[in-house]
């Protein structure tokens, strides 16, 4: 089975009207966009031959110098609440894991797509670019990934992530879902869900290497 090729996908999307409108809106945005333009597609900068896991977030962190183009990841030394709860749940399952940085690049290197449903927002403003076209772009990317891959673990955190994929054909994939790790909902299911261990249990069951959930 041929694997998903992001550059081919991006070139195809660039020809579509929705994407042209999206780029036009972004080019005419007078407010400061986060993350910076060079990081908009950072989540996709990975080897899709190694894809094992898709984690769906919402929109980027909107505080200055926090968003890095991957869901939940940040270059900031201050750990955002959602990521702090993610780390807490990982520690619940793997007490000896080493969490040295808030950057999740090491996860991406192991085959994890950390994707927000909206790839940009405006500094200090959440959801500023909601319904501009990013949702279509990400949805189309996931549809294409699903056509090219099977036995991918989809980690759906919260109702928005679950709703985002509800019309997708995920029969060939493995779905794990729980509440969002934000401060408000982390204790409605996420904490204590063992979702990261369940991911590894599934990967081992299909003879794939488990994820090392440490950060470097």
Protein backbone atom coordinates (compact mmCIF):
# COMPACT_ATOMS: atom_id res chain seq x y z
CA UNK A 1 0.00 0.00 0.00
CA UNK A 2 1.40 3.41 -0.98
CA UNK A 3 1.77 5.67 2.02
CA UNK A 4 0.42 9.20 2.36
CA UNK A 5 2.68 11.81 0.76
CA UNK A 6 2.17 15.23 2.31
CA UNK A 7 3.84 17.27 -0.43
CA UNK A 8 1.66 15.64 -3.10
CA UNK A 9 -1.39 16.22 -0.93
CA UNK A 10 -0.49 19.88 -0.33
CA UNK A 11 0.06 20.51 -4.03
CA UNK A 12 -3.39 19.05 -4.78
CA UNK A 13 -5.09 21.14 -2.09
CA UNK A 14 -3.43 24.33 -3.36
CA UNK A 15 -5.49 24.01 -6.55
CA UNK A 16 -8.81 23.94 -4.67
CA UNK A 17 -10.97 27.02 -4.17
CA UNK A 18 -11.33 26.64 -0.40
CA UNK A 19 -7.53 26.59 0.01
CA UNK A 20 -7.03 29.63 -2.21
CA UNK A 21 -9.61 31.51 -0.09
CA UNK A 22 -7.89 30.37 3.12
CA UNK A 23 -4.46 31.58 1.99
CA UNK A 24 -5.98 34.86 0.83
CA UNK A 25 -7.59 35.38 4.25
CA UNK A 26 -4.29 34.62 5.97
CA UNK A 27 -2.35 36.94 3.66
CA UNK A 28 -4.78 39.74 4.50
CA UNK A 29 -4.75 39.09 8.25
CA UNK A 30 -3.48 42.28 9.92
CA UNK A 31 -3.18 40.73 13.38
CA UNK A 32 -0.20 38.61 14.40
CA UNK A 33 -0.70 34.99 13.34
CA UNK A 34 0.48 32.14 15.53
CA UNK A 35 2.33 29.94 14.98
CA UNK A 36 4.70 31.66 12.56
CA UNK A 37 4.23 30.82 8.88
CA UNK A 38 7.25 28.49 8.76
CA UNK A 39 5.54 26.29 11.37
CA UNK A 40 2.02 26.04 9.92
CA UNK A 41 2.69 22.56 8.52
CA UNK A 42 5.20 21.46 11.15
CA UNK A 43 3.01 18.53 12.26
CA UNK A 44 3.24 17.04 8.76
CA UNK A 45 7.05 17.20 8.62
CA UNK A 46 7.42 13.49 9.36
CA UNK A 47 7.97 10.12 7.73
CA UNK A 48 4.46 8.83 6.97
CA UNK A 49 5.89 5.37 6.30
CA UNK A 50 6.35 5.26 10.09
CA UNK A 51 2.91 6.65 11.02
CA UNK A 52 1.45 4.83 14.02
CA UNK A 53 -0.67 7.33 15.96
CA UNK A 54 -2.84 10.39 15.24
CA UNK A 55 -3.56 12.74 18.15
CA UNK A 56 -6.16 15.40 17.33
CA UNK A 57 -6.10 18.74 19.13
CA UNK A 58 -8.22 21.86 18.55
CA UNK A 59 -6.53 25.15 17.68
CA UNK A 60 -2.99 26.33 18.44
CA UNK A 61 -1.91 27.87 21.73
CA UNK A 62 -2.61 31.59 21.30
CA UNK A 63 -0.18 33.08 23.81
CA UNK A 64 2.97 34.68 22.31
CA UNK A 65 5.85 32.32 21.44
CA UNK A 66 4.03 29.17 22.56
CA UNK A 67 2.54 27.42 19.48
CA UNK A 68 5.02 25.36 17.43
CA UNK A 69 2.73 23.82 14.80
CA UNK A 70 2.13 20.52 16.61
CA UNK A 71 -0.92 19.88 18.80
CA UNK A 72 -0.15 20.22 22.53
CA UNK A 73 3.58 20.74 21.85
CA UNK A 74 5.45 23.95 22.66
CA UNK A 75 8.97 25.37 22.67
CA UNK A 76 8.04 27.35 25.79
CA UNK A 77 9.65 26.32 29.09
CA UNK A 78 6.31 26.95 30.83
CA UNK A 79 4.11 23.87 30.50
CA UNK A 80 0.54 24.65 29.34
CA UNK A 81 -2.22 23.10 31.47
CA UNK A 82 -3.33 20.56 28.85
CA UNK A 83 0.23 19.35 28.32
CA UNK A 84 0.83 19.22 32.06
CA UNK A 85 -2.16 16.89 32.38
CA UNK A 86 -0.94 14.79 29.45
CA UNK A 87 2.39 14.40 31.22
CA UNK A 88 0.58 13.53 34.46
CA UNK A 89 -1.37 10.75 32.74
CA UNK A 90 1.79 9.41 31.07
CA UNK A 91 3.49 9.33 34.47
CA UNK A 92 0.51 7.40 35.86
CA UNK A 93 1.22 4.62 33.36
CA UNK A 94 5.00 5.03 33.05
CA UNK A 95 6.40 6.39 36.34
CA UNK A 96 10.00 6.32 35.12
CA UNK A 97 9.43 8.21 31.87
CA UNK A 98 11.77 11.17 31.31
CA UNK A 99 9.93 14.40 30.44
CA UNK A 100 12.75 16.87 29.81
CA UNK A 101 11.04 19.31 27.45
CA UNK A 102 7.61 20.53 26.37
CA UNK A 103 8.54 20.00 22.73
CA UNK A 104 6.97 16.80 21.39
CA UNK A 105 9.25 16.41 18.39
CA UNK A 106 10.51 13.06 19.70
CA UNK A 107 6.94 11.75 19.53
CA UNK A 108 6.67 12.90 15.92
CA UNK A 109 9.95 11.15 15.10
CA UNK A 110 8.38 7.91 16.35
CA UNK A 111 5.38 8.21 14.03
CA UNK A 112 2.86 10.38 15.88
CA UNK A 113 0.89 13.00 13.94
CA UNK A 114 0.01 15.77 16.43
CA UNK A 115 -2.57 17.71 14.48
CA UNK A 116 -4.86 20.58 15.39
CA UNK A 117 -8.13 20.95 13.49
CA UNK A 118 -7.24 24.61 12.89
CA UNK A 119 -3.58 25.27 12.11
CA UNK A 120 -3.45 28.99 12.93
CA UNK A 121 -5.00 31.56 15.18
CA UNK A 122 -4.22 35.12 16.25
CA UNK A 123 -1.97 36.04 19.13
CA UNK A 124 -3.99 36.31 22.38
CA UNK A 125 -7.21 35.17 20.69
CA UNK A 126 -8.53 31.62 20.56
CA UNK A 127 -10.33 30.28 17.47
CA UNK A 128 -9.68 33.43 15.45
CA UNK A 129 -9.42 31.40 12.22
CA UNK A 130 -12.22 28.94 12.92
CA UNK A 131 -14.15 28.07 9.74
CA UNK A 132 -11.62 29.80 7.48
CA UNK A 133 -10.80 26.52 5.74
CA UNK A 134 -8.25 24.78 7.92
CA UNK A 135 -10.84 22.26 9.07
CA UNK A 136 -11.39 21.19 5.46
CA UNK A 137 -7.64 20.94 4.91
CA UNK A 138 -7.06 18.78 8.01
CA UNK A 139 -10.13 16.66 7.30
CA UNK A 140 -8.96 16.02 3.74
CA UNK A 141 -5.48 15.15 5.01
CA UNK A 142 -6.88 12.62 7.50
CA UNK A 143 -9.17 11.13 4.83
CA UNK A 144 -6.16 10.66 2.58
CA UNK A 145 -4.11 9.17 5.42
CA UNK A 146 -6.93 6.71 6.13
CA UNK A 147 -6.95 5.61 2.49
CA UNK A 148 -3.20 4.97 2.58
CA UNK A 149 -2.82 3.46 6.06
CA UNK A 150 -4.48 0.98 8.37
CA UNK A 151 -4.15 0.04 12.06
CA UNK A 152 -3.41 3.65 12.99
CA UNK A 153 -4.27 4.51 16.60
CA UNK A 154 -6.52 7.58 16.68
CA UNK A 155 -6.38 9.28 20.08
CA UNK A 156 -9.49 11.47 20.32
CA UNK A 157 -9.31 13.88 23.25
CA UNK A 158 -12.65 15.54 23.93
CA UNK A 159 -15.95 15.97 22.13
CA UNK A 160 -14.56 18.33 19.47
CA UNK A 161 -12.02 15.75 18.33
CA UNK A 162 -14.68 13.03 18.35
CA UNK A 163 -17.08 15.20 16.35
CA UNK A 164 -14.33 16.11 13.87
CA UNK A 165 -13.88 12.50 12.75
CA UNK A 166 -17.44 11.24 13.17
CA UNK A 167 -18.12 11.20 9.40
CA UNK A 168 -14.78 9.62 8.49
CA UNK A 169 -14.37 5.96 7.61
CA UNK A 170 -12.16 4.76 10.45
CA UNK A 171 -13.04 1.07 10.28
CA UNK A 172 -9.44 0.12 9.42
CA UNK A 173 -8.05 2.20 12.30
CA UNK A 174 -8.02 1.74 16.08
CA UNK A 175 -9.95 4.39 18.02
CA UNK A 176 -9.23 5.44 21.61
CA UNK A 177 -11.18 8.33 23.10
CA UNK A 178 -11.54 10.13 26.41
CA UNK A 179 -12.11 13.67 27.70
CA UNK A 180 -9.89 16.61 26.78
CA UNK A 181 -6.81 17.14 29.00
CA UNK A 182 -7.63 20.79 29.66
CA UNK A 183 -8.08 21.95 33.24
CA UNK A 184 -11.86 21.85 32.97
CA UNK A 185 -12.31 18.35 31.64
CA UNK A 186 -9.14 16.40 32.48
CA UNK A 187 -10.82 14.79 35.48
CA UNK A 188 -13.91 13.75 33.52
CA UNK A 189 -12.12 10.73 32.13
CA UNK A 190 -8.70 11.69 30.81
CA UNK A 191 -6.80 11.31 34.09
CA UNK A 192 -6.80 7.60 34.84
CA UNK A 193 -7.79 6.60 31.29
CA UNK A 194 -4.45 4.80 30.64
CA UNK A 195 -4.86 6.01 27.05
CA UNK A 196 -1.10 6.11 26.40
CA UNK A 197 -0.58 2.59 27.72
CA UNK A 198 -3.62 1.39 25.75
CA UNK A 199 -1.97 2.86 22.64
CA UNK A 200 1.18 0.84 23.28
CA UNK A 201 -0.78 -2.30 24.14
CA UNK A 202 -2.47 -2.10 20.73
CA UNK A 203 0.77 -1.40 18.86
CA UNK A 204 2.42 -4.41 20.49
CA UNK A 205 -0.62 -6.55 19.62
CA UNK A 206 -0.05 -5.84 15.92
CA UNK A 207 3.71 -6.37 16.22
CA UNK A 208 4.67 -2.71 16.03
CA UNK A 209 7.21 -1.06 18.28
CA UNK A 210 5.61 0.75 21.21
CA UNK A 211 5.94 4.51 21.68
CA UNK A 212 8.53 5.88 24.09
CA UNK A 213 6.44 8.67 25.65
CA UNK A 214 9.45 10.56 26.98
CA UNK A 215 10.40 14.00 25.65
CA UNK A 216 13.89 15.07 24.66
